[in-house]
């Protein structure tokens, strides 16, 4: 019998989770939990009040294949020829008329020094700005600021003249060909994401380096997708800056590392904590809530 692959937790998690309790395996929050939850948002500016860090130029030859408006591209603030990266984009959705890019709610929180609701945003490899923050779900508070777990979601309306930059496929892993994930259970599954973590760190046995797509693609385990929660509980190598990453999910198979058969769109990676455990904001729940509040019906593009 094959032994499940050992997941090596990113070293940089310690930087994000220092304020957290030393519990090895944090438990789920009950619905109606206290206003401040034990998870840390995984957005780079939240680290000790750090400012957004310039990482690579827009035309960087390695990073450019994973630019554009797509799952796994980076949200940026532009300064000349440089992109200041702070979060990652998730899946592309539509209301039948417009296209939207999903991300974490705290990735559009102006109190963190980034563009907020009604403001213009930029992405790696896209000239100027590409859209406007149209929706934010941000309630309660994480231990290091931002939004509470399971209440952390945003939609960016994409300008019509920037649709040529849209790609529904996630960098490295591909498109959610299986559609939207809607199961409510505790079945073990494989998850995958591609993120713009801001620091060097060991994850899945390799050094994660910004601008190196081969190390920015991460695989982990989906642990709990239970009914009654707005987020899934997972174990995955995640690094500060991965916030907003789209997360694919598929059948668990210890013998396979690579493209999943008909992967589904699970949601948006939002929070990380000790031991490599993380929270993924469910896309099905989030789109339903956004649809009610905006008077629209959202589907995957």
Protein backbone atom coordinates (compact mmCIF):
# COMPACT_ATOMS: atom_id res chain seq x y z
CA UNK A 1 0.00 0.00 0.00
CA UNK A 2 1.35 3.41 -0.94
CA UNK A 3 2.15 5.83 1.84
CA UNK A 4 0.57 9.30 1.49
CA UNK A 5 3.05 11.95 0.41
CA UNK A 6 4.54 13.94 3.29
CA UNK A 7 3.82 17.64 2.96
CA UNK A 8 6.61 19.93 4.13
CA UNK A 9 5.20 23.12 5.57
CA UNK A 10 6.50 26.45 4.30
CA UNK A 11 9.14 27.85 6.66
CA UNK A 12 7.74 31.33 6.29
CA UNK A 13 4.48 30.38 7.99
CA UNK A 14 6.22 31.10 11.27
CA UNK A 15 6.47 34.74 10.26
CA UNK A 16 2.73 34.95 9.75
CA UNK A 17 1.55 32.89 12.69
CA UNK A 18 3.66 34.16 15.57
CA UNK A 19 0.65 35.75 17.32
CA UNK A 20 -1.30 32.48 17.13
CA UNK A 21 -1.80 29.96 19.91
CA UNK A 22 0.61 27.05 19.85
CA UNK A 23 -2.09 24.50 19.07
CA UNK A 24 -0.76 22.02 16.51
CA UNK A 25 -4.12 21.46 14.82
CA UNK A 26 -6.55 24.37 15.16
CA UNK A 27 -10.22 23.45 15.28
CA UNK A 28 -12.91 24.86 13.07
CA UNK A 29 -14.72 27.95 14.25
CA UNK A 30 -18.35 27.43 15.12
CA UNK A 31 -20.82 29.58 13.25
CA UNK A 32 -21.23 32.81 15.19
CA UNK A 33 -17.70 32.54 16.60
CA UNK A 34 -16.04 35.49 18.37
CA UNK A 35 -15.20 38.49 16.23
CA UNK A 36 -11.47 37.74 16.10
CA UNK A 37 -10.59 34.27 14.82
CA UNK A 38 -7.27 32.39 15.23
CA UNK A 39 -6.34 32.34 11.55
CA UNK A 40 -3.91 34.77 9.93
CA UNK A 41 -4.68 36.39 6.59
CA UNK A 42 -2.11 35.41 4.00
CA UNK A 43 -1.62 38.80 2.41
CA UNK A 44 1.89 40.21 2.35
CA UNK A 45 1.25 43.75 3.76
CA UNK A 46 -0.06 42.20 6.97
CA UNK A 47 3.39 41.03 8.03
CA UNK A 48 4.42 43.28 10.92
CA UNK A 49 2.91 46.27 9.12
CA UNK A 50 5.26 45.78 6.19
CA UNK A 51 4.66 47.77 3.05
CA UNK A 52 4.13 46.13 -0.31
CA UNK A 53 7.47 44.95 -1.65
CA UNK A 54 8.72 45.46 -5.24
CA UNK A 55 9.54 42.03 -6.59
CA UNK A 56 9.80 41.72 -10.38
CA UNK A 57 9.29 43.99 -13.40
CA UNK A 58 6.08 43.55 -15.40
CA UNK A 59 8.08 42.24 -18.37
CA UNK A 60 10.03 39.67 -16.35
CA UNK A 61 10.60 36.77 -18.81
CA UNK A 62 9.91 34.03 -16.23
CA UNK A 63 6.91 35.57 -14.52
CA UNK A 64 5.14 36.79 -17.69
CA UNK A 65 3.58 33.41 -18.66
CA UNK A 66 1.56 33.57 -15.46
CA UNK A 67 0.47 37.16 -15.80
CA UNK A 68 -2.81 38.44 -17.17
CA UNK A 69 -6.25 38.16 -15.61
CA UNK A 70 -6.47 34.56 -14.52
CA UNK A 71 -6.30 32.27 -11.50
CA UNK A 72 -2.74 32.51 -10.21
CA UNK A 73 -1.86 35.94 -11.59
CA UNK A 74 -0.79 38.63 -9.13
CA UNK A 75 -2.65 41.70 -7.96
CA UNK A 76 -0.21 44.58 -8.15
CA UNK A 77 0.38 48.26 -7.57
CA UNK A 78 2.37 49.61 -10.48
CA UNK A 79 5.33 51.95 -10.14
CA UNK A 80 7.02 52.64 -13.45
CA UNK A 81 8.19 49.35 -14.92
CA UNK A 82 7.77 47.49 -11.63
CA UNK A 83 4.85 45.61 -10.18
CA UNK A 84 4.46 45.73 -6.40
CA UNK A 85 2.71 42.41 -5.71
CA UNK A 86 0.47 41.85 -2.71
CA UNK A 87 -2.14 39.19 -3.46
CA UNK A 88 -3.15 36.56 -6.01
CA UNK A 89 -6.19 36.32 -8.29
CA UNK A 90 -8.68 33.44 -8.20
CA UNK A 91 -11.26 32.19 -10.68
CA UNK A 92 -13.00 34.11 -13.45
CA UNK A 93 -16.79 34.27 -13.17
CA UNK A 94 -19.59 35.91 -15.15
CA UNK A 95 -23.07 37.28 -14.54
CA UNK A 96 -23.97 36.66 -18.17
CA UNK A 97 -22.89 40.15 -19.21
CA UNK A 98 -19.69 41.12 -17.43
CA UNK A 99 -16.63 39.14 -16.35
CA UNK A 100 -15.26 39.25 -12.80
CA UNK A 101 -12.08 38.05 -11.12
CA UNK A 102 -12.49 36.62 -7.63
CA UNK A 103 -10.01 37.16 -4.81
CA UNK A 104 -9.94 37.41 -1.01
CA UNK A 105 -11.93 40.17 0.67
CA UNK A 106 -8.91 41.38 2.63
CA UNK A 107 -7.03 41.80 -0.68
CA UNK A 108 -9.30 44.78 -1.35
CA UNK A 109 -9.21 46.26 2.16
CA UNK A 110 -8.03 49.89 1.86
CA UNK A 111 -7.01 49.92 5.53
CA UNK A 112 -4.18 47.61 4.48
CA UNK A 113 -2.91 50.11 1.91
CA UNK A 114 -4.43 48.48 -1.19
CA UNK A 115 -7.31 49.53 -3.51
CA UNK A 116 -10.77 48.91 -2.05
CA UNK A 117 -14.42 48.81 -3.16
CA UNK A 118 -15.12 51.13 -6.07
CA UNK A 119 -11.42 51.61 -6.75
CA UNK A 120 -9.31 50.54 -9.70
CA UNK A 121 -6.92 47.58 -9.53
CA UNK A 122 -3.98 46.27 -11.55
CA UNK A 123 -2.58 42.83 -12.37
CA UNK A 124 0.75 41.42 -13.44
CA UNK A 125 1.31 41.70 -17.18
CA UNK A 126 -1.74 43.90 -17.85
CA UNK A 127 -1.14 47.54 -18.85
CA UNK A 128 -2.59 50.13 -16.50
CA UNK A 129 -5.62 49.00 -14.50
CA UNK A 130 -7.95 46.20 -15.55
CA UNK A 131 -11.08 46.61 -13.46
CA UNK A 132 -12.97 47.95 -10.45
CA UNK A 133 -13.65 46.29 -7.11
CA UNK A 134 -17.39 45.58 -7.39
CA UNK A 135 -18.06 43.47 -4.29
CA UNK A 136 -16.47 42.76 -0.92
CA UNK A 137 -17.53 40.35 1.83
CA UNK A 138 -15.42 41.16 4.87
CA UNK A 139 -16.75 40.53 8.37
CA UNK A 140 -15.13 39.88 11.75
CA UNK A 141 -11.34 40.00 11.94
CA UNK A 142 -8.38 37.68 11.63
CA UNK A 143 -5.70 37.62 14.31
CA UNK A 144 -3.45 39.87 12.20
CA UNK A 145 -6.13 42.10 10.70
CA UNK A 146 -8.18 41.74 7.56
CA UNK A 147 -11.36 39.65 7.40
CA UNK A 148 -12.51 36.68 9.44
CA UNK A 149 -12.28 33.12 8.11
CA UNK A 150 -15.25 32.20 5.94
CA UNK A 151 -16.26 35.85 5.47
CA UNK A 152 -13.47 36.93 3.17
CA UNK A 153 -14.33 37.32 -0.53
CA UNK A 154 -14.27 39.91 -3.31
CA UNK A 155 -15.15 40.32 -6.97
CA UNK A 156 -13.38 42.66 -9.39
CA UNK A 157 -15.40 43.67 -12.48
CA UNK A 158 -13.13 43.36 -15.52
CA UNK A 159 -13.17 46.14 -18.11
CA UNK A 160 -14.52 45.07 -21.50
CA UNK A 161 -11.38 46.31 -23.25
CA UNK A 162 -9.25 44.04 -21.03
CA UNK A 163 -11.12 40.81 -21.81
CA UNK A 164 -8.31 39.82 -24.18
CA UNK A 165 -6.11 39.35 -21.08
CA UNK A 166 -8.56 36.92 -19.47
CA UNK A 167 -7.67 33.23 -19.18
CA UNK A 168 -9.88 30.82 -17.21
CA UNK A 169 -6.97 28.39 -16.73
CA UNK A 170 -4.96 28.52 -13.51
CA UNK A 171 -1.25 29.06 -13.96
CA UNK A 172 0.51 25.69 -14.19
CA UNK A 173 -2.52 23.57 -13.20
CA UNK A 174 -5.16 24.40 -15.81
CA UNK A 175 -8.86 25.23 -15.88
CA UNK A 176 -11.63 23.98 -13.55
CA UNK A 177 -13.07 21.66 -16.20
CA UNK A 178 -15.25 19.92 -13.62
CA UNK A 179 -17.12 23.13 -12.82
CA UNK A 180 -17.98 24.50 -9.39
CA UNK A 181 -17.36 22.31 -6.33
CA UNK A 182 -20.54 21.94 -4.26
CA UNK A 183 -20.03 18.77 -2.17
CA UNK A 184 -20.56 19.00 1.62
CA UNK A 185 -18.61 16.21 3.31
CA UNK A 186 -15.33 15.24 4.97
CA UNK A 187 -13.85 13.23 2.11
CA UNK A 188 -10.07 13.48 1.67
CA UNK A 189 -9.27 15.23 -1.62
CA UNK A 190 -6.30 16.67 -3.49
CA UNK A 191 -6.12 20.47 -3.79
CA UNK A 192 -3.90 22.68 -5.95
CA UNK A 193 -3.15 26.38 -6.11
CA UNK A 194 -0.68 28.82 -7.65
CA UNK A 195 0.31 31.83 -5.56
CA UNK A 196 2.62 34.81 -5.35
CA UNK A 197 4.15 34.22 -1.93
CA UNK A 198 6.53 37.05 -1.08
CA UNK A 199 9.33 35.22 0.67
CA UNK A 200 11.68 32.35 0.01
CA UNK A 201 10.48 29.29 1.86
CA UNK A 202 10.42 25.54 1.67
CA UNK A 203 7.14 24.06 0.46
CA UNK A 204 6.50 20.55 -0.84
CA UNK A 205 10.22 19.87 -0.75
CA UNK A 206 11.26 22.75 -3.05
CA UNK A 207 12.24 26.35 -2.50
CA UNK A 208 9.36 28.65 -3.42
CA UNK A 209 10.79 31.58 -5.34
CA UNK A 210 8.81 34.54 -6.64
CA UNK A 211 8.98 34.62 -10.43
CA UNK A 212 9.59 30.87 -10.71
CA UNK A 213 6.28 29.23 -11.76
CA UNK A 214 7.66 25.74 -11.16
CA UNK A 215 7.88 26.44 -7.42
CA UNK A 216 4.84 28.69 -7.11
CA UNK A 217 2.52 25.78 -7.96
CA UNK A 218 1.57 23.93 -4.78
CA UNK A 219 -0.42 20.78 -4.01
CA UNK A 220 -2.02 19.78 -0.71
CA UNK A 221 -4.90 17.96 0.95
CA UNK A 222 -8.52 19.00 1.37
CA UNK A 223 -9.64 17.76 4.80
CA UNK A 224 -13.08 19.10 5.65
CA UNK A 225 -15.83 20.39 3.34
CA UNK A 226 -18.67 19.99 5.85
CA UNK A 227 -22.20 21.30 5.51
CA UNK A 228 -22.88 24.54 7.37
CA UNK A 229 -19.52 26.20 6.80
CA UNK A 230 -18.61 28.93 4.35
CA UNK A 231 -15.04 27.67 4.07
CA UNK A 232 -13.13 24.43 3.60
CA UNK A 233 -10.33 23.32 5.94
CA UNK A 234 -7.15 22.19 4.15
CA UNK A 235 -3.47 21.39 4.60
CA UNK A 236 -1.25 22.98 1.99
CA UNK A 237 2.11 24.76 1.66
CA UNK A 238 1.02 28.41 1.66
CA UNK A 239 3.11 31.55 1.97
CA UNK A 240 2.30 35.16 2.74
CA UNK A 241 1.19 36.67 -0.57
CA UNK A 242 -0.83 33.60 -1.62
CA UNK A 243 -4.05 35.25 -0.37
CA UNK A 244 -6.69 35.31 -3.07
CA UNK A 245 -5.32 32.26 -4.89
CA UNK A 246 -7.91 30.08 -6.57
CA UNK A 247 -7.91 26.52 -5.24
CA UNK A 248 -8.71 23.52 -7.44
CA UNK A 249 -9.96 20.26 -5.95
CA UNK A 250 -10.11 16.69 -7.23
CA UNK A 251 -10.13 13.06 -6.18
CA UNK A 252 -7.33 12.05 -3.83
CA UNK A 253 -4.68 9.82 -5.40
CA UNK A 254 -1.30 9.39 -3.72
CA UNK A 255 0.18 8.01 -6.93
CA UNK A 256 -0.46 11.12 -9.01
CA UNK A 257 1.19 14.54 -8.86
CA UNK A 258 0.12 16.83 -11.65
CA UNK A 259 -3.02 17.68 -13.54
CA UNK A 260 -6.19 16.45 -11.86
CA UNK A 261 -8.90 14.74 -13.90
CA UNK A 262 -11.72 17.28 -14.28
CA UNK A 263 -10.71 19.49 -11.33
CA UNK A 264 -13.36 21.69 -9.75
CA UNK A 265 -13.19 25.25 -8.47
CA UNK A 266 -13.23 24.96 -4.67
CA UNK A 267 -12.66 28.56 -3.69
CA UNK A 268 -10.22 31.25 -2.61
CA UNK A 269 -7.26 30.70 -0.25
CA UNK A 270 -7.56 33.31 2.49
CA UNK A 271 -5.97 32.32 5.82
CA UNK A 272 -3.02 30.27 7.05
CA UNK A 273 -2.07 29.07 10.49
CA UNK A 274 0.40 26.84 12.32
CA UNK A 275 1.35 23.46 10.91
CA UNK A 276 0.40 24.17 7.31
CA UNK A 277 -3.35 24.28 7.93
CA UNK A 278 -5.30 26.82 5.90
CA UNK A 279 -8.77 28.13 5.11
CA UNK A 280 -10.30 28.22 1.63
CA UNK A 281 -13.33 30.48 1.21
CA UNK A 282 -15.89 28.37 -0.66
CA UNK A 283 -16.70 29.76 -4.10
CA UNK A 284 -20.21 28.26 -4.32
CA UNK A 285 -21.32 29.92 -1.08
CA UNK A 286 -19.57 33.20 -1.85
CA UNK A 287 -21.02 33.56 -5.35
CA UNK A 288 -24.50 32.80 -4.05
CA UNK A 289 -24.20 35.51 -1.39
CA UNK A 290 -22.74 38.03 -3.85
CA UNK A 291 -25.51 37.23 -6.33
CA UNK A 292 -28.24 37.92 -3.79
CA UNK A 293 -26.65 41.20 -2.69
CA UNK A 294 -25.89 42.38 -6.22
CA UNK A 295 -29.07 41.08 -7.86
CA UNK A 296 -27.14 38.81 -10.23
CA UNK A 297 -26.54 35.14 -10.92
CA UNK A 298 -22.86 34.20 -11.07
CA UNK A 299 -21.36 31.18 -12.81
CA UNK A 300 -17.83 30.11 -13.70
CA UNK A 301 -16.63 31.59 -16.97
